[in-house]
Amino acid sequence: MNRISVFYAHICEAAQQREKSIKDTLYAACGFGITALECDIQQLEDTPAVRRLFESCAMEVSSVYGSFDFPHDSIAVSHKKIGCFLEKAAEFNTDKVLCIPGFFHESDDKKSVFPRVCELISFMCDRAEQYGITVTVEDYDDISSPCCTSKQLLSLVKCCPKLRLTFDTGNFLYCGEDALSLYDILLPYVVHIHCKDRLYSPACPAEERSVKQAVNGDLLYPSPCCEGVVKLPQILRKALGSGYKGTFAIEHFGAADQLAYMERSAQAILNRL
């Protein structure tokens, strides 16, 4: 069954914006039809307290994400970080994690560093399998990322057979690619979807600081799902038509009113389920 999740960071920011407790904000999200959370590994450090909070609001953890520096950390350091990350993620009964593998430096020889990134991701996939966890990467919106473009994503899954993809609907726009046309190409590897929409101008003055400049110079701003320039309604239709049974994760970092965006996004996705 499909479900809707939201980034826990959005919950925390919404609580601050509305001067509400995190628990009350989680309850509000439940009322919108959201049943799961996307969590940064650093947000899960106080494991017992966080688990009690999530359980009290009937919230599951749909995916845990964490940042690494595979291009530059030693193999031993990376192995240790991977082990700690997976052990913590497993404590929250998630079956998927999102690996942010790090970023190339200008001085790096990408051709020689890329195999090292693949080796460490493959190691992570093997370790994650022991916990019943699938490792994913996303189309990360930073040109220095080893998984920014669709070509890079395909190279990674070719090198790492157990690796799967989190399809971020809004990040392909950063590098000038069309997410809708890429969905069919990447479909065999997609196990998770980040529902991100974007606008070419800020919805309000408070969101001017939330700009992301695309490779071609376009300025990208946050948007509720299905209200921006991304072909998100068509992507959702295509995903459902292809038999996708996974999570649709609401994402709009930088929103001036996270709770309002959350409600509009959840409703837009529910209308299409």
Protein backbone atom coordinates (compact mmCIF):
# COMPACT_ATOMS: atom_id res chain seq x y z
CA MET A 1 0.00 0.00 0.00
CA ASN A 2 1.18 3.50 -0.80
CA ARG A 3 1.67 5.87 2.09
CA ILE A 4 2.61 9.52 2.54
CA SER A 5 5.59 10.62 4.58
CA VAL A 6 7.14 13.99 5.34
CA PHE A 7 10.59 15.09 6.41
CA TYR A 8 10.87 15.22 10.19
CA ALA A 9 12.89 18.41 9.70
CA HIS A 10 9.72 19.98 8.27
CA ILE A 11 7.80 18.91 11.38
CA CYS A 12 10.37 20.51 13.66
CA GLU A 13 10.45 23.70 11.60
CA ALA A 14 6.65 23.85 11.46
CA ALA A 15 6.48 23.52 15.24
CA GLN A 16 8.85 26.46 15.59
CA GLN A 17 7.03 28.56 12.99
CA ARG A 18 3.61 27.98 14.60
CA GLU A 19 4.91 27.97 18.18
CA LYS A 20 3.46 24.51 18.72
CA SER A 21 4.98 21.41 20.28
CA ILE A 22 6.54 18.83 18.00
CA LYS A 23 4.03 16.28 19.28
CA ASP A 24 1.07 18.51 18.38
CA THR A 25 2.61 19.15 14.97
CA LEU A 26 2.97 15.41 14.42
CA TYR A 27 -0.68 14.96 15.34
CA ALA A 28 -1.60 17.65 12.82
CA ALA A 29 0.42 15.84 10.14
CA CYS A 30 -1.46 12.64 10.98
CA GLY A 31 -4.69 14.51 10.37
CA PHE A 32 -3.47 15.36 6.87
CA GLY A 33 -3.03 11.66 6.07
CA ILE A 34 0.72 11.52 6.71
CA THR A 35 1.78 8.31 8.44
CA ALA A 36 5.57 8.20 8.20
CA LEU A 37 8.72 10.31 8.53
CA GLU A 38 11.97 10.83 6.63
CA CYS A 39 14.65 11.31 9.28
CA ASP A 40 18.20 12.60 9.33
CA ILE A 41 20.30 10.13 11.33
CA GLN A 42 21.39 12.98 13.61
CA GLN A 43 17.77 13.51 14.66
CA LEU A 44 17.61 9.98 16.05
CA GLU A 45 20.43 10.17 18.58
CA ASP A 46 18.16 10.16 21.63
CA THR A 47 16.71 6.86 20.49
CA PRO A 48 14.30 5.92 23.33
CA ALA A 49 12.73 9.37 23.58
CA VAL A 50 12.37 9.81 19.82
CA ARG A 51 10.89 6.33 19.42
CA ARG A 52 8.33 7.02 22.15
CA LEU A 53 7.41 10.31 20.46
CA PHE A 54 6.93 8.70 17.06
CA GLU A 55 5.00 5.74 18.48
CA SER A 56 2.69 8.04 20.46
CA CYS A 57 1.66 9.66 17.18
CA ALA A 58 1.50 6.38 15.23
CA MET A 59 4.33 7.54 12.98
CA GLU A 60 6.67 5.08 11.28
CA VAL A 61 10.11 5.89 9.90
CA SER A 62 9.98 5.48 6.13
CA SER A 63 13.63 6.28 5.44
CA VAL A 64 16.73 7.46 7.29
CA TYR A 65 19.30 9.61 5.52
CA GLY A 66 22.88 10.38 6.38
CA SER A 67 25.92 12.12 4.91
CA PHE A 68 29.30 10.53 4.33
CA ASP A 69 32.57 11.54 2.68
CA PHE A 70 33.35 8.48 0.61
CA PRO A 71 35.62 10.37 -1.81
CA HIS A 72 37.99 11.47 0.97
CA ASP A 73 37.57 9.51 4.23
CA SER A 74 39.76 6.46 4.70
CA ILE A 75 38.19 3.08 4.05
CA ALA A 76 38.37 2.25 7.76
CA VAL A 77 36.66 5.49 8.79
CA SER A 78 33.92 5.02 6.18
CA HIS A 79 33.31 1.42 7.28
CA LYS A 80 32.93 2.56 10.88
CA LYS A 81 30.51 5.36 9.95
CA ILE A 82 28.48 2.97 7.81
CA GLY A 83 28.21 0.46 10.64
CA CYS A 84 27.04 3.06 13.17
CA PHE A 85 24.58 4.55 10.68
CA LEU A 86 22.95 1.24 9.81
CA GLU A 87 22.78 0.08 13.42
CA LYS A 88 20.93 3.27 14.40
CA ALA A 89 18.61 3.14 11.39
CA ALA A 90 17.72 -0.48 12.19
CA GLU A 91 16.63 0.56 15.69
CA PHE A 92 13.79 2.51 14.06
CA ASN A 93 12.63 -0.45 11.95
CA THR A 94 13.08 1.33 8.67
CA ASP A 95 13.59 -0.77 5.55
CA LYS A 96 15.26 1.97 3.50
CA VAL A 97 18.11 4.40 3.96
CA LEU A 98 19.31 7.24 1.77
CA CYS A 99 23.07 7.51 1.44
CA ILE A 100 24.51 10.94 0.66
CA PRO A 101 27.96 9.71 -0.38
CA GLY A 102 29.81 13.01 -0.22
CA PHE A 103 31.08 15.51 -2.76
CA PHE A 104 33.98 15.83 -5.16
CA HIS A 105 36.51 18.58 -4.55
CA GLU A 106 37.70 20.68 -7.47
CA SER A 107 41.13 19.07 -7.13
CA ASP A 108 39.75 15.51 -7.31
CA ASP A 109 40.27 13.31 -10.33
CA LYS A 110 36.66 12.13 -10.59
CA LYS A 111 37.51 9.13 -12.76
CA SER A 112 39.83 7.74 -10.10
CA VAL A 113 37.63 8.68 -7.12
CA PHE A 114 34.36 7.33 -8.52
CA PRO A 115 35.37 3.64 -8.17
CA ARG A 116 36.15 4.27 -4.51
CA VAL A 117 32.65 5.70 -4.01
CA CYS A 118 31.17 2.62 -5.73
CA GLU A 119 33.22 0.27 -3.55
CA LEU A 120 31.98 1.89 -0.35
CA ILE A 121 28.36 2.02 -1.48
CA SER A 122 28.55 -1.67 -2.37
CA PHE A 123 29.97 -2.40 1.07
CA MET A 124 27.11 -0.43 2.61
CA CYS A 125 24.54 -2.37 0.57
CA ASP A 126 26.02 -5.68 1.75
CA ARG A 127 25.99 -4.60 5.40
CA ALA A 128 22.47 -3.16 5.12
CA GLU A 129 21.18 -6.45 3.73
CA GLN A 130 21.96 -8.05 7.10
CA TYR A 131 19.42 -5.66 8.70
CA GLY A 132 16.81 -6.10 5.98
CA ILE A 133 17.52 -2.57 4.77
CA THR A 134 17.78 -1.34 1.18
CA VAL A 135 20.33 1.39 0.45
CA THR A 136 19.33 4.16 -1.95
CA VAL A 137 20.89 7.27 -3.44
CA GLU A 138 18.98 10.19 -4.94
CA ASP A 139 19.55 12.67 -7.74
CA TYR A 140 21.24 15.12 -5.37
CA ASP A 141 21.00 18.75 -6.45
CA ASP A 142 24.68 19.67 -6.29
CA ILE A 143 26.98 19.47 -9.31
CA SER A 144 29.83 18.21 -7.11
CA SER A 145 27.80 15.16 -6.02
CA PRO A 146 28.65 11.79 -7.60
CA CYS A 147 24.89 11.18 -8.01
CA CYS A 148 23.63 14.48 -9.40
CA THR A 149 22.65 13.46 -12.96
CA SER A 150 20.74 10.50 -14.35
CA LYS A 151 23.93 9.33 -16.06
CA GLN A 152 25.71 9.23 -12.71
CA LEU A 153 22.79 7.39 -11.10
CA LEU A 154 22.86 4.75 -13.82
CA SER A 155 26.63 4.38 -13.45
CA LEU A 156 26.23 3.81 -9.70
CA VAL A 157 23.52 1.17 -9.98
CA LYS A 158 25.55 -0.56 -12.67
CA CYS A 159 28.59 -0.68 -10.36
CA CYS A 160 26.52 -1.52 -7.25
CA PRO A 161 23.91 -4.19 -8.16
CA LYS A 162 22.16 -4.03 -4.77
CA LEU A 163 21.82 -0.25 -4.80
CA ARG A 164 18.41 1.27 -5.49
CA LEU A 165 17.17 4.81 -6.14
CA THR A 166 15.16 7.41 -4.32
CA PHE A 167 13.60 9.36 -7.19
CA ASP A 168 13.55 13.05 -6.27
CA THR A 169 11.07 14.68 -8.61
CA GLY A 170 12.43 18.21 -8.14
CA ASN A 171 16.18 17.69 -8.19
CA PHE A 172 16.50 16.77 -11.86
CA LEU A 173 15.41 20.32 -12.65
CA TYR A 174 18.63 21.54 -10.99
CA CYS A 175 20.78 19.92 -13.68
CA GLY A 176 18.39 20.62 -16.56
CA GLU A 177 16.87 17.14 -16.86
CA ASP A 178 13.21 16.26 -17.21
CA ALA A 179 12.03 14.04 -14.35
CA LEU A 180 8.96 12.77 -16.18
CA SER A 181 10.92 11.38 -19.12
CA LEU A 182 13.54 9.90 -16.81
CA TYR A 183 11.06 7.97 -14.66
CA ASP A 184 10.67 5.16 -17.20
CA ILE A 185 14.45 4.90 -17.63
CA LEU A 186 15.14 4.70 -13.90
CA LEU A 187 11.99 2.73 -13.03
CA PRO A 188 13.74 -0.65 -12.54
CA TYR A 189 15.71 0.83 -9.64
CA VAL A 190 13.16 3.18 -8.01
CA VAL A 191 11.99 2.09 -4.53
CA HIS A 192 11.24 5.47 -2.94
CA ILE A 193 9.96 8.81 -4.22
CA HIS A 194 10.59 12.31 -2.88
CA CYS A 195 7.70 14.51 -4.01
CA LYS A 196 9.42 17.84 -4.52
CA ASP A 197 7.96 20.65 -6.59
CA ARG A 198 9.63 23.97 -7.38
CA LEU A 199 8.82 27.51 -8.49
CA TYR A 200 10.87 29.97 -10.53
CA SER A 201 9.92 32.83 -8.20
CA PRO A 202 9.34 32.89 -4.43
CA ALA A 203 5.76 32.45 -3.27
CA CYS A 204 6.38 35.10 -0.59
CA PRO A 205 9.24 37.44 0.37
CA ALA A 206 10.22 35.19 3.29
CA GLU A 207 11.17 32.44 0.82
CA GLU A 208 13.64 34.56 -1.14
CA ARG A 209 16.41 33.19 1.10
CA SER A 210 15.43 29.62 0.18
CA VAL A 211 16.67 29.91 -3.39
CA LYS A 212 18.58 27.15 -5.15
CA GLN A 213 20.41 28.19 -8.28
CA ALA A 214 20.29 25.60 -11.05
CA VAL A 215 23.23 24.77 -13.28
CA ASN A 216 21.74 26.90 -16.07
CA GLY A 217 21.27 29.86 -13.72
CA ASP A 218 17.53 29.44 -13.07
CA LEU A 219 16.47 30.29 -9.53
CA LEU A 220 14.43 27.55 -7.86
CA TYR A 221 12.16 28.06 -4.84
CA PRO A 222 10.07 25.71 -2.66
CA SER A 223 6.51 24.86 -3.59
CA PRO A 224 3.69 22.68 -2.25
CA CYS A 225 3.36 19.46 -4.24
CA CYS A 226 1.61 19.81 -7.63
CA GLU A 227 1.60 23.63 -7.48
CA GLY A 228 4.94 24.31 -9.17
CA VAL A 229 6.75 23.82 -12.47
CA VAL A 230 7.73 20.17 -11.97
CA LYS A 231 5.50 17.69 -13.81
CA LEU A 232 4.63 16.11 -10.49
CA PRO A 233 0.98 15.17 -11.21
CA GLN A 234 2.10 13.28 -14.33
CA ILE A 235 4.96 11.61 -12.44
CA LEU A 236 2.58 10.46 -9.70
CA ARG A 237 0.20 9.10 -12.30
CA LYS A 238 3.04 7.31 -14.06
CA ALA A 239 4.37 5.85 -10.81
CA LEU A 240 0.97 4.52 -9.78
CA GLY A 241 0.38 3.18 -13.29
CA SER A 242 3.69 1.31 -13.16
CA GLY A 243 2.60 -0.47 -9.98
CA TYR A 244 4.65 1.56 -7.49
CA LYS A 245 3.56 0.56 -3.96
CA GLY A 246 6.08 2.57 -1.99
CA THR A 247 6.14 5.83 -0.08
CA PHE A 248 5.50 9.31 -1.45
CA ALA A 249 7.63 11.63 0.68
CA ILE A 250 6.64 15.30 0.89
CA GLU A 251 9.66 17.59 0.65
CA HIS A 252 9.80 21.38 0.60
CA PHE A 253 12.81 22.65 2.54
CA GLY A 254 12.71 26.40 3.01
CA ALA A 255 8.92 26.78 3.06
CA ALA A 256 7.80 29.86 4.97
CA ASP A 257 4.84 27.97 6.43
CA GLN A 258 5.76 24.30 6.59
CA LEU A 259 2.47 23.16 8.12
CA ALA A 260 0.34 24.84 5.46
CA TYR A 261 2.55 23.47 2.68
CA MET A 262 2.39 20.04 4.30
CA GLU A 263 -1.41 20.05 4.29
CA ARG A 264 -1.63 21.20 0.68
CA SER A 265 0.98 18.68 -0.43
CA ALA A 266 -0.68 15.78 1.37
CA GLN A 267 -4.05 16.65 -0.11
CA ALA A 268 -2.58 16.90 -3.61
CA ILE A 269 -1.04 13.44 -3.31
CA LEU A 270 -4.13 11.90 -1.67
CA ASN A 271 -6.27 13.24 -4.52
CA ARG A 272 -4.19 11.15 -6.90
CA LEU A 273 -3.97 7.93 -4.89
